[in-house]
C-alpha atoms as a PDB file:
ATOM      1  CA  UNK A   1    -104.407  25.794 -21.595  1.00  0.00           C
ATOM      2  CA  UNK A   2    -106.119  27.983 -19.001  1.00  0.00           C
ATOM      3  CA  UNK A   3    -109.306  29.721 -20.148  1.00  0.00           C
ATOM      4  CA  UNK A   4    -108.895  33.343 -21.289  1.00  0.00           C
ATOM      5  CA  UNK A   5    -105.096  32.984 -21.319  1.00  0.00           C
ATOM      6  CA  UNK A   6    -102.955  32.436 -24.369  1.00  0.00           C
ATOM      7  CA  UNK A   7    -100.666  29.422 -24.518  1.00  0.00           C
ATOM      8  CA  UNK A   8     -97.488  29.737 -22.445  1.00  0.00           C
ATOM      9  CA  UNK A   9     -96.077  26.570 -23.974  1.00  0.00           C
ATOM     10  CA  UNK A  10     -96.494  28.103 -27.451  1.00  0.00           C
ATOM     11  CA  UNK A  11     -94.367  31.032 -26.269  1.00  0.00           C
ATOM     12  CA  UNK A  12     -91.769  28.619 -24.873  1.00  0.00           C
ATOM     13  CA  UNK A  13     -91.698  26.806 -28.204  1.00  0.00           C
ATOM     14  CA  UNK A  14     -91.083  30.099 -30.001  1.00  0.00           C
ATOM     15  CA  UNK A  15     -88.268  30.806 -27.516  1.00  0.00           C
ATOM     16  CA  UNK A  16     -86.661  27.449 -28.389  1.00  0.00           C
ATOM     17  CA  UNK A  17     -86.727  28.404 -32.071  1.00  0.00           C
ATOM     18  CA  UNK A  18     -85.330  31.860 -31.328  1.00  0.00           C
ATOM     19  CA  UNK A  19     -82.455  30.545 -29.198  1.00  0.00           C
ATOM     20  CA  UNK A  20     -81.669  27.882 -31.785  1.00  0.00           C
ATOM     21  CA  UNK A  21     -81.322  30.534 -34.477  1.00  0.00           C
ATOM     22  CA  UNK A  22     -78.982  32.617 -32.303  1.00  0.00           C
ATOM     23  CA  UNK A  23     -76.755  29.999 -30.694  1.00  0.00           C
ATOM     24  CA  UNK A  24     -76.845  26.607 -32.497  1.00  0.00           C
ATOM     25  CA  UNK A  25     -74.919  25.557 -35.585  1.00  0.00           C
ATOM     26  CA  UNK A  26     -75.788  23.956 -37.894  1.00  0.00           C
ATOM     27  CA  UNK A  27     -79.471  24.885 -37.858  1.00  0.00           C
ATOM     28  CA  UNK A  28     -82.117  22.187 -37.857  1.00  0.00           C
ATOM     29  CA  UNK A  29     -84.921  24.699 -38.371  1.00  0.00           C
ATOM     30  CA  UNK A  30     -84.714  28.396 -39.208  1.00  0.00           C
ATOM     31  CA  UNK A  31     -87.355  30.842 -37.971  1.00  0.00           C
ATOM     32  CA  UNK A  32     -86.391  34.550 -37.937  1.00  0.00           C
ATOM     33  CA  UNK A  33     -89.844  35.506 -36.628  1.00  0.00           C
ATOM     34  CA  UNK A  34     -89.650  33.382 -33.480  1.00  0.00           C
ATOM     35  CA  UNK A  35     -88.193  35.992 -31.131  1.00  0.00           C
ATOM     36  CA  UNK A  36     -90.978  38.429 -32.078  1.00  0.00           C
ATOM     37  CA  UNK A  37     -93.650  35.894 -31.112  1.00  0.00           C
ATOM     38  CA  UNK A  38     -92.316  34.802 -27.739  1.00  0.00           C
ATOM     39  CA  UNK A  39     -92.869  36.635 -24.447  1.00  0.00           C
ATOM     40  CA  UNK A  40     -90.827  39.733 -23.479  1.00  0.00           C
ATOM     41  CA  UNK A  41     -88.980  37.678 -20.846  1.00  0.00           C
ATOM     42  CA  UNK A  42     -87.988  34.932 -23.276  1.00  0.00           C
ATOM     43  CA  UNK A  43     -87.102  37.536 -25.890  1.00  0.00           C
ATOM     44  CA  UNK A  44     -84.635  39.079 -23.457  1.00  0.00           C
ATOM     45  CA  UNK A  45     -83.116  35.671 -22.735  1.00  0.00           C
ATOM     46  CA  UNK A  46     -82.803  34.880 -26.451  1.00  0.00           C
ATOM     47  CA  UNK A  47     -81.047  38.169 -27.142  1.00  0.00           C
ATOM     48  CA  UNK A  48     -78.514  37.872 -24.304  1.00  0.00           C
ATOM     49  CA  UNK A  49     -75.733  35.322 -24.625  1.00  0.00           C
ATOM     50  CA  UNK A  50     -75.081  35.581 -20.887  1.00  0.00           C
ATOM     51  CA  UNK A  51     -78.718  34.969 -19.908  1.00  0.00           C
ATOM     52  CA  UNK A  52     -79.040  32.207 -22.483  1.00  0.00           C
ATOM     53  CA  UNK A  53     -76.001  30.438 -21.046  1.00  0.00           C
ATOM     54  CA  UNK A  54     -77.208  30.851 -17.450  1.00  0.00           C
ATOM     55  CA  UNK A  55     -80.877  29.921 -17.981  1.00  0.00           C
ATOM     56  CA  UNK A  56     -81.306  27.813 -21.119  1.00  0.00           C
ATOM     57  CA  UNK A  57     -77.974  25.994 -21.071  1.00  0.00           C
ATOM     58  CA  UNK A  58     -77.596  26.118 -17.265  1.00  0.00           C
ATOM     59  CA  UNK A  59     -80.740  26.092 -15.123  1.00  0.00           C
ATOM     60  CA  UNK A  60     -82.870  24.403 -17.806  1.00  0.00           C
ATOM     61  CA  UNK A  61     -80.182  22.215 -19.387  1.00  0.00           C
ATOM     62  CA  UNK A  62     -82.219  19.075 -18.670  1.00  0.00           C
ATOM     63  CA  UNK A  63     -84.722  20.280 -21.277  1.00  0.00           C
ATOM     64  CA  UNK A  64     -82.140  20.356 -24.071  1.00  0.00           C
ATOM     65  CA  UNK A  65     -83.514  17.156 -25.685  1.00  0.00           C
ATOM     66  CA  UNK A  66     -86.918  18.862 -25.822  1.00  0.00           C
ATOM     67  CA  UNK A  67     -85.336  21.458 -28.114  1.00  0.00           C
ATOM     68  CA  UNK A  68     -84.369  18.700 -30.527  1.00  0.00           C
ATOM     69  CA  UNK A  69     -87.903  17.295 -30.397  1.00  0.00           C
ATOM     70  CA  UNK A  70     -89.457  20.682 -31.250  1.00  0.00           C
ATOM     71  CA  UNK A  71     -86.965  21.578 -33.975  1.00  0.00           C
ATOM     72  CA  UNK A  72     -87.035  18.175 -35.679  1.00  0.00           C
ATOM     73  CA  UNK A  73     -90.831  18.188 -35.517  1.00  0.00           C
ATOM     74  CA  UNK A  74     -90.982  21.630 -37.124  1.00  0.00           C
ATOM     75  CA  UNK A  75     -88.576  20.752 -39.919  1.00  0.00           C
ATOM     76  CA  UNK A  76     -90.274  17.437 -40.658  1.00  0.00           C
ATOM     77  CA  UNK A  77     -93.574  19.305 -40.973  1.00  0.00           C
ATOM     78  CA  UNK A  78     -92.040  21.654 -43.550  1.00  0.00           C
ATOM     79  CA  UNK A  79     -90.452  18.745 -45.442  1.00  0.00           C
ATOM     80  CA  UNK A  80     -93.709  16.775 -45.586  1.00  0.00           C
ATOM     81  CA  UNK A  81     -95.723  19.856 -46.536  1.00  0.00           C
ATOM     82  CA  UNK A  82     -93.348  20.550 -49.413  1.00  0.00           C
ATOM     83  CA  UNK A  83     -93.679  16.973 -50.640  1.00  0.00           C
ATOM     84  CA  UNK A  84     -97.475  17.366 -50.574  1.00  0.00           C
ATOM     85  CA  UNK A  85     -97.361  20.726 -52.399  1.00  0.00           C
ATOM     86  CA  UNK A  86     -94.928  19.410 -55.006  1.00  0.00           C
ATOM     87  CA  UNK A  87     -97.468  16.668 -55.714  1.00  0.00           C
ATOM     88  CA  UNK A  88    -100.141  19.288 -56.427  1.00  0.00           C
ATOM     89  CA  UNK A  89    -101.579  20.163 -53.005  1.00  0.00           C
ATOM     90  CA  UNK A  90    -102.709  23.770 -52.547  1.00  0.00           C
ATOM     91  CA  UNK A  91    -104.350  23.973 -49.112  1.00  0.00           C
ATOM     92  CA  UNK A  92    -102.635  23.844 -45.694  1.00  0.00           C
ATOM     93  CA  UNK A  93    -104.323  23.801 -42.278  1.00  0.00           C
ATOM     94  CA  UNK A  94    -102.358  24.190 -39.038  1.00  0.00           C
ATOM     95  CA  UNK A  95    -104.352  22.834 -36.124  1.00  0.00           C
ATOM     96  CA  UNK A  96    -103.170  24.418 -32.890  1.00  0.00           C
ATOM     97  CA  UNK A  97    -100.945  26.757 -34.892  1.00  0.00           C
ATOM     98  CA  UNK A  98     -99.461  28.472 -31.846  1.00  0.00           C
ATOM     99  CA  UNK A  99     -96.747  30.913 -32.900  1.00  0.00           C
ATOM    100  CA  UNK A 100     -95.783  29.145 -36.118  1.00  0.00           C
ATOM    101  CA  UNK A 101     -94.563  31.659 -38.706  1.00  0.00           C
ATOM    102  CA  UNK A 102     -94.722  29.863 -42.043  1.00  0.00           C
ATOM    103  CA  UNK A 103     -97.368  32.291 -43.315  1.00  0.00           C
ATOM    104  CA  UNK A 104     -94.813  35.073 -42.804  1.00  0.00           C
ATOM    105  CA  UNK A 105     -91.736  33.114 -43.905  1.00  0.00           C
ATOM    106  CA  UNK A 106     -93.657  31.765 -46.905  1.00  0.00           C
ATOM    107  CA  UNK A 107     -91.048  30.257 -49.266  1.00  0.00           C
ATOM    108  CA  UNK A 108     -91.557  30.443 -53.020  1.00  0.00           C
ATOM    109  CA  UNK A 109     -92.824  26.858 -53.217  1.00  0.00           C
ATOM    110  CA  UNK A 110     -95.842  27.907 -51.095  1.00  0.00           C
ATOM    111  CA  UNK A 111     -96.976  30.520 -53.619  1.00  0.00           C
ATOM    112  CA  UNK A 112    -100.675  30.010 -54.295  1.00  0.00           C
ATOM    113  CA  UNK A 113    -101.164  27.677 -51.321  1.00  0.00           C
ATOM    114  CA  UNK A 114    -103.999  28.771 -49.026  1.00  0.00           C
ATOM    115  CA  UNK A 115    -102.947  28.659 -45.341  1.00  0.00           C
ATOM    116  CA  UNK A 116    -105.436  28.337 -42.488  1.00  0.00           C
ATOM    117  CA  UNK A 117    -104.301  28.698 -38.883  1.00  0.00           C
ATOM    118  CA  UNK A 118    -106.638  27.097 -36.346  1.00  0.00           C
ATOM    119  CA  UNK A 119    -106.097  27.802 -32.661  1.00  0.00           C
ATOM    120  CA  UNK A 120    -107.644  28.841 -29.360  1.00  0.00           C
ATOM    121  CA  UNK A 121    -109.041  32.395 -29.680  1.00  0.00           C
ATOM    122  CA  UNK A 122    -106.853  33.736 -26.850  1.00  0.00           C
ATOM    123  CA  UNK A 123    -103.589  32.511 -28.393  1.00  0.00           C
ATOM    124  CA  UNK A 124    -104.662  33.573 -31.848  1.00  0.00           C
ATOM    125  CA  UNK A 125    -105.494  37.116 -30.721  1.00  0.00           C
ATOM    126  CA  UNK A 126    -102.060  37.525 -29.099  1.00  0.00           C
ATOM    127  CA  UNK A 127    -100.326  36.173 -32.192  1.00  0.00           C
ATOM    128  CA  UNK A 128    -102.159  38.494 -34.588  1.00  0.00           C
ATOM    129  CA  UNK A 129    -101.386  41.467 -32.324  1.00  0.00           C
ATOM    130  CA  UNK A 130     -97.686  40.571 -32.252  1.00  0.00           C
ATOM    131  CA  UNK A 131     -97.662  40.128 -36.013  1.00  0.00           C
ATOM    132  CA  UNK A 132     -99.093  43.614 -36.464  1.00  0.00           C
ATOM    133  CA  UNK A 133     -96.730  45.131 -33.873  1.00  0.00           C
ATOM    134  CA  UNK A 134     -93.723  43.709 -35.726  1.00  0.00           C
ATOM    135  CA  UNK A 135     -94.642  45.006 -39.142  1.00  0.00           C
ATOM    136  CA  UNK A 136     -96.390  42.023 -40.713  1.00  0.00           C
ATOM    137  CA  UNK A 137     -98.347  43.203 -43.775  1.00  0.00           C
ATOM    138  CA  UNK A 138    -101.850  42.296 -42.578  1.00  0.00           C
ATOM    139  CA  UNK A 139    -104.025  40.913 -43.991  1.00  0.00           C
ATOM    140  CA  UNK A 140    -101.649  38.360 -45.448  1.00  0.00           C
ATOM    141  CA  UNK A 141    -102.456  36.959 -48.895  1.00  0.00           C
ATOM    142  CA  UNK A 142    -103.810  33.399 -48.987  1.00  0.00           C
ATOM    143  CA  UNK A 143    -104.075  33.321 -45.176  1.00  0.00           C
ATOM    144  CA  UNK A 144    -106.973  33.008 -42.750  1.00  0.00           C
ATOM    145  CA  UNK A 145    -107.096  32.662 -38.959  1.00  0.00           C
ATOM    146  CA  UNK A 146    -109.840  30.329 -37.693  1.00  0.00           C
ATOM    147  CA  UNK A 147    -110.480  30.481 -33.901  1.00  0.00           C
ATOM    148  CA  UNK A 148    -111.437  27.137 -32.316  1.00  0.00           C
ATOM    149  CA  UNK A 149    -111.455  25.841 -28.743  1.00  0.00           C
ATOM    150  CA  UNK A 150    -110.939  22.109 -29.377  1.00  0.00           C
ATOM    151  CA  UNK A 151    -112.445  21.144 -26.010  1.00  0.00           C
ATOM    152  CA  UNK A 152    -115.690  23.090 -26.559  1.00  0.00           C
ATOM    153  CA  UNK A 153    -116.191  23.654 -30.300  1.00  0.00           C
ATOM    154  CA  UNK A 154    -116.350  21.435 -33.354  1.00  0.00           C
ATOM    155  CA  UNK A 155    -113.600  21.960 -35.901  1.00  0.00           C
ATOM    156  CA  UNK A 156    -115.856  21.124 -38.859  1.00  0.00           C
ATOM    157  CA  UNK A 157    -118.346  23.829 -37.883  1.00  0.00           C
ATOM    158  CA  UNK A 158    -115.657  26.484 -37.581  1.00  0.00           C
ATOM    159  CA  UNK A 159    -114.018  25.543 -40.891  1.00  0.00           C
ATOM    160  CA  UNK A 160    -117.444  25.568 -42.566  1.00  0.00           C
ATOM    161  CA  UNK A 161    -117.809  29.305 -41.921  1.00  0.00           C
ATOM    162  CA  UNK A 162    -114.311  30.050 -43.243  1.00  0.00           C
ATOM    163  CA  UNK A 163    -113.074  30.062 -46.848  1.00  0.00           C
ATOM    164  CA  UNK A 164    -111.767  26.495 -46.453  1.00  0.00           C
ATOM    165  CA  UNK A 165    -112.576  24.355 -49.501  1.00  0.00           C
ATOM    166  CA  UNK A 166    -113.620  20.888 -48.331  1.00  0.00           C
ATOM    167  CA  UNK A 167    -113.442  19.568 -51.888  1.00  0.00           C
ATOM    168  CA  UNK A 168    -109.715  20.214 -52.195  1.00  0.00           C
ATOM    169  CA  UNK A 169    -107.080  17.758 -50.862  1.00  0.00           C
ATOM    170  CA  UNK A 170    -105.464  19.388 -47.844  1.00  0.00           C
ATOM    171  CA  UNK A 171    -102.371  18.948 -45.694  1.00  0.00           C
ATOM    172  CA  UNK A 172    -103.270  19.135 -41.988  1.00  0.00           C
ATOM    173  CA  UNK A 173    -100.502  19.660 -39.412  1.00  0.00           C
ATOM    174  CA  UNK A 174    -101.561  18.995 -35.812  1.00  0.00           C
ATOM    175  CA  UNK A 175     -98.321  19.398 -33.923  1.00  0.00           C
ATOM    176  CA  UNK A 176     -97.897  20.046 -30.212  1.00  0.00           C
ATOM    177  CA  UNK A 177    -101.569  19.495 -29.404  1.00  0.00           C
ATOM    178  CA  UNK A 178    -103.031  16.036 -28.849  1.00  0.00           C
ATOM    179  CA  UNK A 179    -101.261  15.233 -25.575  1.00  0.00           C
ATOM    180  CA  UNK A 180    -103.016  18.245 -24.005  1.00  0.00           C
ATOM    181  CA  UNK A 181    -106.459  17.037 -25.121  1.00  0.00           C
ATOM    182  CA  UNK A 182    -108.887  14.566 -23.609  1.00  0.00           C
ATOM    183  CA  UNK A 183    -109.586  11.311 -25.425  1.00  0.00           C
ATOM    184  CA  UNK A 184    -113.053  12.636 -26.319  1.00  0.00           C
ATOM    185  CA  UNK A 185    -111.619  15.839 -27.838  1.00  0.00           C
ATOM    186  CA  UNK A 186    -109.049  13.883 -29.861  1.00  0.00           C
ATOM    187  CA  UNK A 187    -111.679  11.542 -31.279  1.00  0.00           C
ATOM    188  CA  UNK A 188    -114.053  14.426 -32.045  1.00  0.00           C
ATOM    189  CA  UNK A 189    -111.318  16.313 -33.892  1.00  0.00           C
ATOM    190  CA  UNK A 190    -110.354  13.254 -35.948  1.00  0.00           C
ATOM    191  CA  UNK A 191    -114.024  12.716 -36.828  1.00  0.00           C
ATOM    192  CA  UNK A 192    -114.355  16.360 -37.872  1.00  0.00           C
ATOM    193  CA  UNK A 193    -111.189  16.130 -39.946  1.00  0.00           C
ATOM    194  CA  UNK A 194    -112.591  13.103 -41.734  1.00  0.00           C
ATOM    195  CA  UNK A 195    -115.773  15.067 -42.477  1.00  0.00           C
ATOM    196  CA  UNK A 196    -113.945  18.006 -44.066  1.00  0.00           C
ATOM    197  CA  UNK A 197    -110.867  16.290 -45.574  1.00  0.00           C
ATOM    198  CA  UNK A 198    -111.170  15.336 -49.223  1.00  0.00           C
ATOM    199  CA  UNK A 199    -109.770  11.930 -50.221  1.00  0.00           C
ATOM    200  CA  UNK A 200    -106.011  12.164 -50.555  1.00  0.00           C
ATOM    201  CA  UNK A 201    -105.702  14.714 -47.765  1.00  0.00           C
ATOM    202  CA  UNK A 202    -102.940  14.062 -45.238  1.00  0.00           C
ATOM    203  CA  UNK A 203    -102.622  14.577 -41.496  1.00  0.00           C
ATOM    204  CA  UNK A 204     -99.306  14.927 -39.645  1.00  0.00           C
ATOM    205  CA  UNK A 205     -99.212  15.027 -35.845  1.00  0.00           C
ATOM    206  CA  UNK A 206     -96.886  14.279 -32.962  1.00  0.00           C
ATOM    207  CA  UNK A 207     -97.771  12.160 -29.944  1.00  0.00           C
ATOM    208  CA  UNK A 208     -96.267  11.039 -26.654  1.00  0.00           C
ATOM    209  CA  UNK A 209     -95.633   7.411 -25.790  1.00  0.00           C
ATOM    210  CA  UNK A 210     -96.904   5.907 -22.532  1.00  0.00           C
ATOM    211  CA  UNK A 211     -94.281   5.084 -19.924  1.00  0.00           C
ATOM    212  CA  UNK A 212     -94.483   1.319 -20.488  1.00  0.00           C
ATOM    213  CA  UNK A 213     -93.296   1.846 -24.090  1.00  0.00           C
ATOM    214  CA  UNK A 214     -90.007   3.411 -22.966  1.00  0.00           C
ATOM    215  CA  UNK A 215     -86.842   1.695 -21.821  1.00  0.00           C
ATOM    216  CA  UNK A 216     -85.448   2.470 -18.387  1.00  0.00           C
ATOM    217  CA  UNK A 217     -83.839   5.908 -18.288  1.00  0.00           C
ATOM    218  CA  UNK A 218     -85.372   7.099 -21.567  1.00  0.00           C
ATOM    219  CA  UNK A 219     -88.125   9.194 -19.999  1.00  0.00           C
ATOM    220  CA  UNK A 220     -86.065  11.722 -18.034  1.00  0.00           C
ATOM    221  CA  UNK A 221     -86.436  14.679 -20.401  1.00  0.00           C
ATOM    222  CA  UNK A 222     -90.094  13.820 -20.988  1.00  0.00           C
ATOM    223  CA  UNK A 223     -90.743  13.760 -17.227  1.00  0.00           C
ATOM    224  CA  UNK A 224     -89.108  17.171 -16.861  1.00  0.00           C
ATOM    225  CA  UNK A 225     -91.104  18.567 -19.787  1.00  0.00           C
ATOM    226  CA  UNK A 226     -94.268  17.188 -18.199  1.00  0.00           C
ATOM    227  CA  UNK A 227     -93.475  18.977 -14.943  1.00  0.00           C
ATOM    228  CA  UNK A 228     -92.636  22.300 -16.633  1.00  0.00           C
ATOM    229  CA  UNK A 229     -95.732  22.369 -18.845  1.00  0.00           C
ATOM    230  CA  UNK A 230     -97.972  21.455 -15.912  1.00  0.00           C
ATOM    231  CA  UNK A 231     -96.624  24.450 -14.009  1.00  0.00           C
ATOM    232  CA  UNK A 232     -97.551  26.571 -17.020  1.00  0.00           C
ATOM    233  CA  UNK A 233    -101.116  25.316 -16.663  1.00  0.00           C
ATOM    234  CA  UNK A 234    -100.953  22.964 -19.651  1.00  0.00           C
ATOM    235  CA  UNK A 235    -100.806  19.317 -18.630  1.00  0.00           C
ATOM    236  CA  UNK A 236     -99.956  16.254 -20.713  1.00  0.00           C
ATOM    237  CA  UNK A 237    -102.997  14.020 -20.357  1.00  0.00           C
ATOM    238  CA  UNK A 238    -103.016  11.763 -23.424  1.00  0.00           C
ATOM    239  CA  UNK A 239    -100.444   9.147 -24.437  1.00  0.00           C
ATOM    240  CA  UNK A 240    -100.591   6.673 -27.330  1.00  0.00           C
ATOM    241  CA  UNK A 241     -98.727   3.801 -28.904  1.00  0.00           C
ATOM    242  CA  UNK A 242     -98.593   3.643 -32.720  1.00  0.00           C
ATOM    243  CA  UNK A 243    -100.946   0.648 -32.548  1.00  0.00           C
ATOM    244  CA  UNK A 244    -103.520   2.643 -30.592  1.00  0.00           C
ATOM    245  CA  UNK A 245    -103.244   5.512 -33.063  1.00  0.00           C
ATOM    246  CA  UNK A 246    -103.806   3.171 -35.996  1.00  0.00           C
ATOM    247  CA  UNK A 247    -107.109   2.076 -34.431  1.00  0.00           C
ATOM    248  CA  UNK A 248    -108.210   5.658 -33.717  1.00  0.00           C
ATOM    249  CA  UNK A 249    -107.356   6.789 -37.233  1.00  0.00           C
ATOM    250  CA  UNK A 250    -109.017   3.815 -38.874  1.00  0.00           C
ATOM    251  CA  UNK A 251    -112.189   4.428 -36.904  1.00  0.00           C
ATOM    252  CA  UNK A 252    -112.245   8.046 -38.080  1.00  0.00           C
ATOM    253  CA  UNK A 253    -111.641   7.240 -41.749  1.00  0.00           C
ATOM    254  CA  UNK A 254    -107.860   7.644 -42.039  1.00  0.00           C
ATOM    255  CA  UNK A 255    -105.108   5.135 -42.660  1.00  0.00           C
ATOM    256  CA  UNK A 256    -101.824   5.358 -40.772  1.00  0.00           C
ATOM    257  CA  UNK A 257     -99.131   5.669 -43.447  1.00  0.00           C
ATOM    258  CA  UNK A 258     -95.962   6.172 -41.432  1.00  0.00           C
ATOM    259  CA  UNK A 259     -94.660   6.717 -37.900  1.00  0.00           C
ATOM    260  CA  UNK A 260     -91.344   8.473 -37.313  1.00  0.00           C
ATOM    261  CA  UNK A 261     -89.946   7.686 -33.874  1.00  0.00           C
ATOM    262  CA  UNK A 262     -87.500   9.764 -31.854  1.00  0.00           C
ATOM    263  CA  UNK A 263     -84.510   7.708 -33.045  1.00  0.00           C
ATOM    264  CA  UNK A 264     -85.551   8.167 -36.681  1.00  0.00           C
ATOM    265  CA  UNK A 265     -85.755  11.926 -36.262  1.00  0.00           C
ATOM    266  CA  UNK A 266     -82.461  12.110 -34.385  1.00  0.00           C
ATOM    267  CA  UNK A 267     -80.740  10.275 -37.238  1.00  0.00           C
ATOM    268  CA  UNK A 268     -82.377  12.478 -39.856  1.00  0.00           C
ATOM    269  CA  UNK A 269     -81.907  15.896 -38.278  1.00  0.00           C
ATOM    270  CA  UNK A 270     -79.291  15.736 -35.514  1.00  0.00           C
ATOM    271  CA  UNK A 271     -76.697  13.212 -36.684  1.00  0.00           C
ATOM    272  CA  UNK A 272     -73.056  14.290 -36.832  1.00  0.00           C
ATOM    273  CA  UNK A 273     -73.474  17.452 -34.794  1.00  0.00           C
ATOM    274  CA  UNK A 274     -70.608  18.822 -32.751  1.00  0.00           C
ATOM    275  CA  UNK A 275     -72.823  20.158 -29.962  1.00  0.00           C
ATOM    276  CA  UNK A 276     -75.237  18.603 -27.450  1.00  0.00           C
ATOM    277  CA  UNK A 277     -78.447  19.037 -29.453  1.00  0.00           C
ATOM    278  CA  UNK A 278     -80.288  15.730 -29.560  1.00  0.00           C
ATOM    279  CA  UNK A 279     -83.874  14.506 -29.725  1.00  0.00           C
ATOM    280  CA  UNK A 280     -85.985  13.631 -26.695  1.00  0.00           C
ATOM    281  CA  UNK A 281     -87.039  10.024 -26.192  1.00  0.00           C
ATOM    282  CA  UNK A 282     -90.709   9.235 -25.812  1.00  0.00           C
ATOM    283  CA  UNK A 283     -92.473  10.785 -28.790  1.00  0.00           C
ATOM    284  CA  UNK A 284     -93.295  10.046 -32.384  1.00  0.00           C
ATOM    285  CA  UNK A 285     -94.802  11.738 -35.421  1.00  0.00           C
ATOM    286  CA  UNK A 286     -97.596  10.030 -37.323  1.00  0.00           C
ATOM    287  CA  UNK A 287     -98.587  10.622 -40.930  1.00  0.00           C
ATOM    288  CA  UNK A 288    -102.048   9.534 -42.012  1.00  0.00           C
ATOM    289  CA  UNK A 289    -104.051   9.768 -45.242  1.00  0.00           C
ATOM    290  CA  UNK A 290    -107.788  10.229 -45.743  1.00  0.00           C
ATOM    291  CA  UNK A 291    -109.114   7.158 -47.471  1.00  0.00           C
END
């Protein structure tokens, strides 16, 4: 992400959620706040069936599998968080929160769970302003925004000056982030997470596969997404295999519990649909546990 600018890809992700709510059935993921968080241009597109058909389903139709990736990723995060909370967890940290709205949508099963949103200060400032402009009752109960620039600041230091309780098992969601970070920033963040995560804490994050791990023809949507995000000033620079992630996590003090690949997520969230919504090839979601 460019310095001093908020994340354009976070706005695009919110636009995907907003368009999904308006035009797709059945829903994979439901977010009524999404259109309020995206840019004015994308908001106009989401609200106009004609513009949506011409731009999203016409000009940008090659990105349709990216929609499935984002939506399945978001719903899996909610499903895994609920499993963690049902088992007694009461602290949730979103790393690179973007324009996620769970603190506003807060379902009953999240009552009493403390939510921390960690993100770049520029994106976080825009999000908080849009929340206020759209009637969010600020400050929200059991919610805290923690500004962090992952490339320049240490996560552990920023969490230490917040109300985060390092002695409490925590669910960390790190979605839509690591492929924009350098190897050094990824390792530093994992080390910081290990420092602040109590035993039994869990970490869920998505990752992109290197080209050699894909079959011929599987990387088309990923290549297009790479081009579009680069033009937004946010380049994919880090790719991993599950084996490489297992080594990184082990070194930091986590164990890799499970990897959900694109085919797994397509079967779980997009099977039996009557439309063209599918899941992009070339990514996975890893779940790890603090030893």
